[in-house]
Structure formats: structure tokens, C-alpha cells
Amino acid sequence: MPDEPLRGRGHDGPLFGLRMDKSRSRRHRWTRTMTTVIGFDADDTLWHNETHFQEMQRALAAIISGHTGETTPIDDPLMAVERRNLKKYGYGAKGFALSMIETALELTDQRVSGAEIARIIAMVHRFLDGDIHILDGAVETLTRLRHNHRLILITKGDEIEQQEKLAKSKLRSFFDTVYVVLEKDPDTYRSILGREAIDPGHFVMVGNSLRSDIHPVLAIGGRAILIPYEVTWKHEMVELPADAPKAFATLNSLRELPAFLENGENRR
């Protein structure tokens, strides 16, 4: 089966050369060092998230097209507004709601109606009030890893929104510590590992984003495992280095993670 390009909100083509290999996991040259602590991302790593944002974006496109009289591309304009607003609103559905409203006003020359703005707000409320759908294999994987590793959750976004998702997921008991951060960069990870007295060489981060879960952890001497989600937000897309470091691997699913860690470490 050929590789399929990752596609995401705010993008209409293959993303920066990054492709998901569904035929095999890419182990690269994984460093066989004992892992004592595993960090997990939350959105699109443990539960579905981005697909809901894409649904809201499609609804927004329909509202805007009703005013322009044609199918109006909104990916790039919306992405530009989101990026402009990140420093004001941070990550999450609330900031996305405001960015959608701003985009609708811009692309319709402010002809969008109060009722249509109410529709945008209502669909974000439905998302926030809705159920959390756990990814296949998440519970089994966490259960297995919890026996021999310390698990911490590191997620970025709005504190209230992320804590509510975690509560709905019923996964809180698997984690020793939960961090909701404004941004995932080397300084953030360095601060967390320092606070938790974790040696970066004994830490591995698991997530779906090269920008947030992989590159910053590698930069501080940790290891990282990418498990791509079916769609990825354009903002999270950066290139995978051609010469991937020994501290990096790509797996196809969470179910592969326990055996990969156990087999790699048993072959030291």
C-alpha cells in the first residue's frame, strides 16, 4: 500500500513531505536505553480531537459560501487568523470559535448574520459539551505500561477544556502527574522534567505532533515516538529530519508501543 499524505485543517495538499507509512513502523536506529518515565500527549494521541475541528471548519465554509455565492476556500484565511490569534487566545476550541467568527466577518465583508454567528458558537458548545472518544488501544496500552513505568500526561491548550476532556475520558488514574501547558517547546519540557526530577535520557514522549511532541523533546536529550493521527492541524506540521536521530521512532498505533519499548530495552 503506498504512503498516504497526512492532510489537515488549513491545508489542501501533502504536508511538508511528512507521510504516514501504514505498511510498517519506522524504527530508525532506536537507542536502547532504559525508559523509566513515559510522557503522553492527549489530543489525537489518546482521544479523537482534530476530526471535530475539521467538521466545524466545513460548517463554517458552508456559511461563508452562502454569502459569496461560490465555494470559497477558507483554509488559508482561517489558518492565518488562527496563527495571528494564538498569542491572544492560546490553543483550544474557544480560541478557534473566535477565529472562525473573525474569518467569517472578513470573508463576507461583515455580511454574516447574528444568527450565523450564533450557529458557529453553538457548534463549538456542542463540541465542548460532547463525549470524548478514546482511540483504539489506548486503555489497553496505558494499562500495560502502567505496571513498569511512571506515566505523565503533557497536553497543551486551555486548562478548563483539557481537564474536562481528561475527566470525560476516565484516563486520569493512569497518570502520576498531569500538565496542561500553554506551549510545548524545549523550555517547557526542560521545566517539567526538572520539576519531576526526571533524567531526559530516561524519558520518552509519545504523541502525534512533530512540532509539539517530538522535536522539543529530542532537543533536550530525551527520546520521542511519533504515532501519526489520521489528520493533523497544519500549525503542527514541520519536517521530519532526513537523518532521523537514534532517539526517534515512528509507530502505526498505540497498540504497538508496549512491545516496541519492551523489545527494544530487552535487547540492550
Protein backbone atom coordinates (compact mmCIF):
# COMPACT_ATOMS: atom_id res chain seq x y z
CA MET A 1 0.00 0.00 0.00
CA PRO A 2 1.52 3.39 -0.90
CA ASP A 3 2.12 6.03 1.71
CA GLU A 4 -0.79 8.42 2.17
CA PRO A 5 -0.15 12.12 2.71
CA LEU A 6 -1.28 13.49 6.02
CA ARG A 7 -3.96 16.08 5.46
CA GLY A 8 -5.19 18.57 7.97
CA ARG A 9 -7.22 21.61 8.86
CA GLY A 10 -5.96 24.59 6.94
CA HIS A 11 -4.13 22.56 4.30
CA ASP A 12 -5.17 21.17 0.97
CA GLY A 13 -2.24 19.00 -0.06
CA PRO A 14 0.57 16.78 1.21
CA LEU A 15 2.07 18.36 4.29
CA PHE A 16 5.74 19.28 4.13
CA GLY A 17 6.79 15.86 2.88
CA LEU A 18 5.61 14.05 6.01
CA ARG A 19 3.73 10.87 5.17
CA MET A 20 2.16 8.15 7.25
CA ASP A 21 3.51 4.69 6.46
CA LYS A 22 0.67 2.24 7.11
CA SER A 23 2.65 -0.77 5.96
CA ARG A 24 5.32 -0.82 8.64
CA SER A 25 6.61 1.07 11.64
CA ARG A 26 9.76 3.11 11.15
CA ARG A 27 12.13 2.24 13.97
CA HIS A 28 15.12 4.20 12.64
CA ARG A 29 18.07 3.45 14.97
CA TRP A 30 16.29 3.49 18.29
CA THR A 31 18.63 3.99 21.23
CA ARG A 32 18.23 1.09 23.65
CA THR A 33 18.21 2.99 26.90
CA MET A 34 16.02 2.05 29.85
CA THR A 35 12.84 4.10 29.85
CA THR A 36 11.56 4.89 33.33
CA VAL A 37 9.09 7.67 32.52
CA ILE A 38 6.73 7.94 29.54
CA GLY A 39 5.04 11.21 28.64
CA PHE A 40 1.83 11.13 26.64
CA ASP A 41 0.18 13.80 24.56
CA ALA A 42 -3.63 13.80 24.82
CA ASP A 43 -5.48 15.24 21.79
CA ASP A 44 -5.25 12.86 18.81
CA THR A 45 -2.88 10.60 20.76
CA LEU A 46 -5.28 9.22 23.38
CA TRP A 47 -8.60 10.55 22.09
CA HIS A 48 -10.05 11.96 18.86
CA ASN A 49 -9.95 15.73 18.56
CA GLU A 50 -8.90 17.20 15.20
CA THR A 51 -11.70 15.49 13.29
CA HIS A 52 -14.20 17.57 15.29
CA PHE A 53 -12.40 20.77 14.33
CA GLN A 54 -12.50 19.76 10.69
CA GLU A 55 -16.26 19.22 10.93
CA MET A 56 -16.65 22.72 12.37
CA GLN A 57 -14.47 24.15 9.62
CA ARG A 58 -16.63 22.53 6.94
CA ALA A 59 -19.72 24.06 8.54
CA LEU A 60 -18.01 27.45 8.56
CA ALA A 61 -17.15 27.09 4.86
CA ALA A 62 -20.82 26.44 4.09
CA ILE A 63 -21.87 29.58 5.96
CA ILE A 64 -19.35 31.72 4.12
CA SER A 65 -20.18 30.23 0.71
CA GLY A 66 -23.81 31.16 1.29
CA HIS A 67 -22.74 34.81 1.16
CA THR A 68 -20.15 34.64 -1.61
CA GLY A 69 -22.33 32.57 -3.96
CA GLU A 70 -19.50 30.16 -4.66
CA THR A 71 -17.31 27.64 -2.90
CA THR A 72 -14.91 29.89 -1.04
CA PRO A 73 -11.57 28.42 0.07
CA ILE A 74 -11.22 29.19 3.76
CA ASP A 75 -8.25 27.01 4.77
CA ASP A 76 -5.52 29.61 4.34
CA PRO A 77 -7.52 32.62 5.61
CA LEU A 78 -8.65 30.72 8.70
CA MET A 79 -5.13 29.45 9.36
CA ALA A 80 -3.78 32.99 9.11
CA VAL A 81 -6.35 34.23 11.63
CA GLU A 82 -5.68 31.32 14.00
CA ARG A 83 -1.94 31.92 13.95
CA ARG A 84 -2.46 35.64 14.49
CA ASN A 85 -4.68 34.92 17.49
CA LEU A 86 -2.63 32.22 19.21
CA LYS A 87 -0.84 34.71 21.43
CA LYS A 88 -4.15 36.26 22.44
CA TYR A 89 -6.33 33.18 22.91
CA GLY A 90 -3.97 30.23 23.10
CA TYR A 91 -4.92 26.77 21.85
CA GLY A 92 -8.34 25.16 22.10
CA ALA A 93 -11.94 25.38 20.99
CA LYS A 94 -12.67 28.80 22.50
CA GLY A 95 -9.91 30.48 20.54
CA PHE A 96 -10.96 28.52 17.46
CA ALA A 97 -14.52 29.85 17.86
CA LEU A 98 -13.33 33.45 17.92
CA SER A 99 -11.05 32.82 14.93
CA MET A 100 -13.94 31.30 12.96
CA ILE A 101 -16.14 34.31 13.69
CA GLU A 102 -13.37 36.71 12.69
CA THR A 103 -12.75 34.76 9.47
CA ALA A 104 -16.46 34.74 8.63
CA LEU A 105 -16.64 38.51 9.09
CA GLU A 106 -13.57 39.08 6.93
CA LEU A 107 -14.56 36.78 4.06
CA THR A 108 -18.15 38.03 3.85
CA ASP A 109 -17.31 41.73 4.24
CA GLN A 110 -19.19 41.57 7.55
CA ARG A 111 -22.39 40.33 5.91
CA VAL A 112 -22.51 37.26 8.12
CA SER A 113 -25.63 37.49 10.28
CA GLY A 114 -26.09 37.33 14.01
CA ALA A 115 -27.94 34.05 13.56
CA GLU A 116 -24.99 32.59 11.68
CA ILE A 117 -22.55 33.71 14.35
CA ALA A 118 -24.86 32.03 16.86
CA ARG A 119 -24.59 28.82 14.80
CA ILE A 120 -20.79 28.99 15.00
CA ILE A 121 -20.91 29.44 18.75
CA ALA A 122 -23.46 26.64 19.12
CA MET A 123 -21.34 24.07 17.28
CA VAL A 124 -18.35 24.89 19.50
CA HIS A 125 -20.58 24.45 22.55
CA ARG A 126 -21.66 21.05 21.21
CA PHE A 127 -18.03 20.05 20.88
CA LEU A 128 -17.18 21.21 24.40
CA ASP A 129 -20.26 19.52 25.86
CA GLY A 130 -19.86 16.33 23.84
CA ASP A 131 -18.38 12.98 24.71
CA ILE A 132 -14.72 12.07 24.40
CA HIS A 133 -13.98 9.16 22.08
CA ILE A 134 -10.88 7.23 23.09
CA LEU A 135 -8.53 5.98 20.39
CA ASP A 136 -8.42 2.27 19.78
CA GLY A 137 -5.93 0.56 22.07
CA ALA A 138 -5.41 3.50 24.44
CA VAL A 139 -6.78 1.86 27.58
CA GLU A 140 -5.01 -1.44 26.96
CA THR A 141 -1.72 0.31 26.24
CA LEU A 142 -1.84 2.50 29.33
CA THR A 143 -2.83 -0.47 31.49
CA ARG A 144 0.14 -2.48 30.30
CA LEU A 145 2.69 0.32 30.56
CA ARG A 146 1.49 1.46 33.98
CA HIS A 147 2.89 -1.69 35.60
CA ASN A 148 6.53 -0.91 34.82
CA HIS A 149 6.69 2.79 34.03
CA ARG A 150 5.78 6.11 35.50
CA LEU A 151 3.30 7.86 33.19
CA ILE A 152 2.74 11.60 32.91
CA LEU A 153 0.31 13.49 30.68
CA ILE A 154 1.58 16.62 28.92
CA THR A 155 -1.09 18.42 26.90
CA LYS A 156 -1.31 21.98 25.65
CA GLY A 157 -4.36 24.16 25.49
CA ASP A 158 -6.97 25.73 27.70
CA GLU A 159 -6.75 24.43 31.28
CA ILE A 160 -10.51 24.06 31.80
CA GLU A 161 -11.09 22.47 28.40
CA GLN A 162 -8.25 19.95 28.70
CA GLN A 163 -9.09 18.97 32.28
CA GLU A 164 -12.72 18.45 31.25
CA LYS A 165 -11.67 16.20 28.38
CA LEU A 166 -9.45 14.21 30.71
CA ALA A 167 -12.27 13.78 33.22
CA LYS A 168 -14.64 12.58 30.48
CA SER A 169 -12.01 10.18 29.16
CA LYS A 170 -11.73 8.39 32.53
CA LEU A 171 -7.98 8.01 31.90
CA ARG A 172 -6.78 10.24 34.77
CA SER A 173 -5.94 7.33 37.08
CA PHE A 174 -3.24 6.07 34.73
CA PHE A 175 -1.09 9.18 35.18
CA ASP A 176 1.06 10.18 38.12
CA THR A 177 1.06 13.81 37.02
CA VAL A 178 -0.87 15.93 34.52
CA TYR A 179 0.48 19.10 32.93
CA VAL A 180 -1.65 21.47 30.84
CA VAL A 181 0.78 23.90 29.22
CA LEU A 182 0.44 26.96 27.01
CA GLU A 183 3.12 25.75 24.59
CA LYS A 184 5.27 22.68 24.08
CA ASP A 185 8.82 23.81 23.49
CA PRO A 186 12.23 22.75 24.86
CA ASP A 187 11.96 25.11 27.84
CA THR A 188 8.57 23.68 28.80
CA TYR A 189 9.80 20.09 28.68
CA ARG A 190 13.02 21.02 30.48
CA SER A 191 10.99 22.66 33.25
CA ILE A 192 8.65 19.67 33.62
CA LEU A 193 11.47 17.12 33.73
CA GLY A 194 13.37 19.26 36.23
CA ARG A 195 10.33 19.61 38.46
CA GLU A 196 9.71 15.87 38.33
CA ALA A 197 13.42 15.01 38.78
CA ILE A 198 13.46 13.05 35.52
CA ASP A 199 16.68 12.40 33.61
CA PRO A 200 15.96 13.30 29.95
CA GLY A 201 17.85 10.18 28.89
CA HIS A 202 15.29 8.03 30.71
CA PHE A 203 12.27 9.88 29.32
CA VAL A 204 10.30 9.16 26.16
CA MET A 205 7.46 11.32 24.82
CA VAL A 206 4.64 9.77 22.80
CA GLY A 207 2.47 11.93 20.56
CA ASN A 208 1.14 12.74 17.11
CA SER A 209 2.86 16.09 16.51
CA LEU A 210 6.42 16.56 15.30
CA ARG A 211 6.31 20.22 16.34
CA SER A 212 4.98 19.69 19.85
CA ASP A 213 5.82 16.14 20.92
CA ILE A 214 8.96 15.16 19.02
CA HIS A 215 11.38 17.96 18.13
CA PRO A 216 11.40 19.77 21.52
CA VAL A 217 11.98 16.53 23.44
CA LEU A 218 14.84 15.49 21.16
CA ALA A 219 16.32 18.96 21.63
CA ILE A 220 16.75 18.42 25.39
CA GLY A 221 18.20 14.93 25.12
CA GLY A 222 15.03 12.88 25.53
CA ARG A 223 13.56 10.30 23.19
CA ALA A 224 10.29 10.52 21.28
CA ILE A 225 7.86 8.27 19.46
CA LEU A 226 5.55 9.63 16.77
CA ILE A 227 2.18 7.93 16.31
CA PRO A 228 0.53 9.88 13.46
CA TYR A 229 -3.18 10.64 13.66
CA GLU A 230 -5.43 10.38 10.61
CA VAL A 231 -5.44 14.16 10.15
CA THR A 232 -3.15 16.83 11.53
CA TRP A 233 -3.53 20.56 12.00
CA LYS A 234 -1.27 22.49 9.64
CA HIS A 235 0.20 24.52 12.52
CA GLU A 236 1.67 21.32 13.98
CA MET A 237 3.46 20.33 10.78
CA VAL A 238 7.22 20.55 10.50
CA GLU A 239 9.66 18.45 8.53
CA LEU A 240 10.99 15.14 9.73
CA PRO A 241 14.80 15.32 9.54
CA ALA A 242 16.24 13.27 6.69
CA ASP A 243 18.74 11.73 9.11
CA ALA A 244 16.40 10.87 11.97
CA PRO A 245 18.21 10.60 15.32
CA LYS A 246 18.61 7.36 17.22
CA ALA A 247 16.27 8.75 19.86
CA PHE A 248 13.28 8.82 17.50
CA ALA A 249 10.86 6.22 16.14
CA THR A 250 7.51 6.13 14.35
CA LEU A 251 4.82 3.57 15.12
CA ASN A 252 1.50 2.97 13.41
CA SER A 253 -0.66 2.71 16.52
CA LEU A 254 -0.69 2.84 20.31
CA ARG A 255 -1.07 -0.93 20.39
CA GLU A 256 2.50 -1.30 19.09
CA LEU A 257 4.01 0.81 21.86
CA PRO A 258 4.39 -1.66 24.78
CA ALA A 259 6.05 -4.38 22.72
CA PHE A 260 8.29 -1.84 20.98
CA LEU A 261 9.56 -0.46 24.28
CA GLU A 262 9.92 -3.88 25.89
CA ASN A 263 11.69 -5.49 22.94
CA GLY A 264 14.00 -2.54 22.38
CA GLU A 265 15.05 -2.35 26.01
CA ASN A 266 15.46 -6.09 26.42
CA ARG A 267 17.95 -6.10 23.53
CA ARG A 268 20.32 -3.57 25.10
